[in-house]
Protein backbone atom coordinates (compact mmCIF):
# COMPACT_ATOMS: atom_id res chain seq x y z
CA MET A 1 -13.18 2.18 -10.27
CA SER A 2 -11.58 2.76 -6.49
CA ALA A 3 -9.99 6.03 -7.98
CA HIS A 4 -11.95 8.25 -5.11
CA THR A 5 -9.38 5.96 -2.77
CA ARG A 6 -6.53 7.22 -4.66
CA TYR A 7 -3.94 9.95 -3.85
CA GLN A 8 -3.91 12.31 -7.65
CA GLY A 9 0.15 10.38 -8.78
CA GLY A 10 -0.70 7.31 -7.11
CA ILE A 11 -1.44 3.85 -9.01
CA LEU A 12 -4.88 2.14 -9.24
CA VAL A 13 -4.03 -1.86 -9.45
CA SER A 14 -7.54 -4.23 -9.70
CA ARG A 15 -8.09 -7.33 -10.50
CA LEU A 16 -11.82 -6.42 -10.78
CA GLY A 17 -11.18 -3.99 -13.58
CA ILE A 18 -10.40 -0.84 -14.06
CA GLY A 19 -13.46 1.07 -15.10
CA ASP A 20 -13.45 4.04 -16.76
CA PRO A 21 -9.58 4.85 -18.00
CA ALA A 22 -10.55 7.82 -18.60
CA ARG A 23 -12.07 8.63 -15.48
CA ALA A 24 -8.77 7.96 -13.64
CA ALA A 25 -6.39 9.59 -15.87
CA ALA A 26 -8.77 12.91 -15.39
CA ALA A 27 -8.29 12.63 -11.53
CA GLY A 28 -3.90 12.39 -12.22
CA ILE A 29 -4.35 8.67 -11.42
CA ARG A 30 -2.66 5.64 -13.11
CA ALA A 31 -4.74 2.50 -13.96
CA SER A 32 -4.00 -0.45 -14.53
CA GLY A 33 -6.05 -4.31 -14.31
CA THR A 34 -4.21 -7.79 -13.21
CA ALA A 35 -5.21 -11.14 -13.29
CA CYS A 36 -3.41 -14.33 -12.20
CA VAL A 37 -3.26 -17.67 -12.23
CA PRO A 38 -4.16 -19.39 -8.21
CA ASP A 39 -0.24 -20.52 -7.93
CA GLY A 40 0.80 -20.85 -3.73
CA GLY A 41 4.42 -19.45 -4.31
CA GLN A 42 2.93 -15.78 -5.74
CA SER A 43 0.81 -15.76 -2.72
CA GLN A 44 3.94 -16.50 -0.53
CA ARG A 45 5.49 -13.32 -2.45
CA VAL A 46 2.59 -11.45 -2.26
CA ALA A 47 2.48 -11.87 1.43
CA ALA A 48 5.47 -11.27 1.89
CA LEU A 49 5.47 -7.97 0.62
CA VAL A 50 2.16 -7.12 2.83
CA GLU A 51 4.51 -8.25 5.92
CA SER A 52 7.47 -5.78 4.87
CA GLY A 53 5.50 -3.26 4.30
CA GLN A 54 5.79 -2.70 0.33
CA ILE A 55 1.95 -2.99 0.02
CA THR A 56 0.04 -1.53 2.10
CA THR A 57 -4.14 -1.21 2.69
CA CYS A 58 -6.10 1.31 3.71
CA VAL A 59 -8.96 0.00 6.59
CA ALA A 60 -11.30 2.55 7.19
CA GLU A 61 -13.67 0.27 9.67
CA THR A 62 -13.54 -3.35 10.72
CA VAL A 63 -17.59 -3.98 11.69
CA PRO A 64 -19.79 -7.28 12.44
CA ILE A 65 -21.77 -9.46 9.11
CA ASP A 66 -24.34 -8.64 10.69
CA GLN A 67 -23.52 -4.60 9.29
CA ALA A 68 -22.79 -5.48 6.02
CA ALA A 69 -25.46 -3.43 4.23
CA ARG A 70 -24.50 -0.62 6.15
CA ALA A 71 -20.90 -0.51 5.50
CA ASP A 72 -21.80 -1.07 1.38
CA THR A 73 -24.15 1.95 2.26
CA VAL A 74 -21.28 3.87 3.37
CA ASN A 75 -18.61 2.66 1.08
CA GLN A 76 -20.69 3.98 -1.81
CA THR A 77 -21.22 6.88 -0.87
CA GLY A 78 -17.19 7.46 -1.32
CA SER A 79 -16.60 9.58 2.53
CA VAL A 80 -14.30 7.31 3.46
CA LYS A 81 -10.95 5.58 2.39
CA GLY A 82 -10.56 2.20 1.86
CA LYS A 83 -12.76 -1.25 1.56
């Protein structure tokens, strides 16, 4: 679970599952899993939310594909926010 990337009082929504709900609750985070059937209209609505700033992401760093292993190692340390 990416609970270490969220702020206390925040909400974590994941398509990959939320892991241990008790861990999220202990961190002061509301966690929820979700799934969807591919739908072009839904993707357009999500894109509009991203473009309007209503959905945001945190990108700590962009790396070339040949450095993917290093990026994964850094991500696993929990020392960066984002993916």
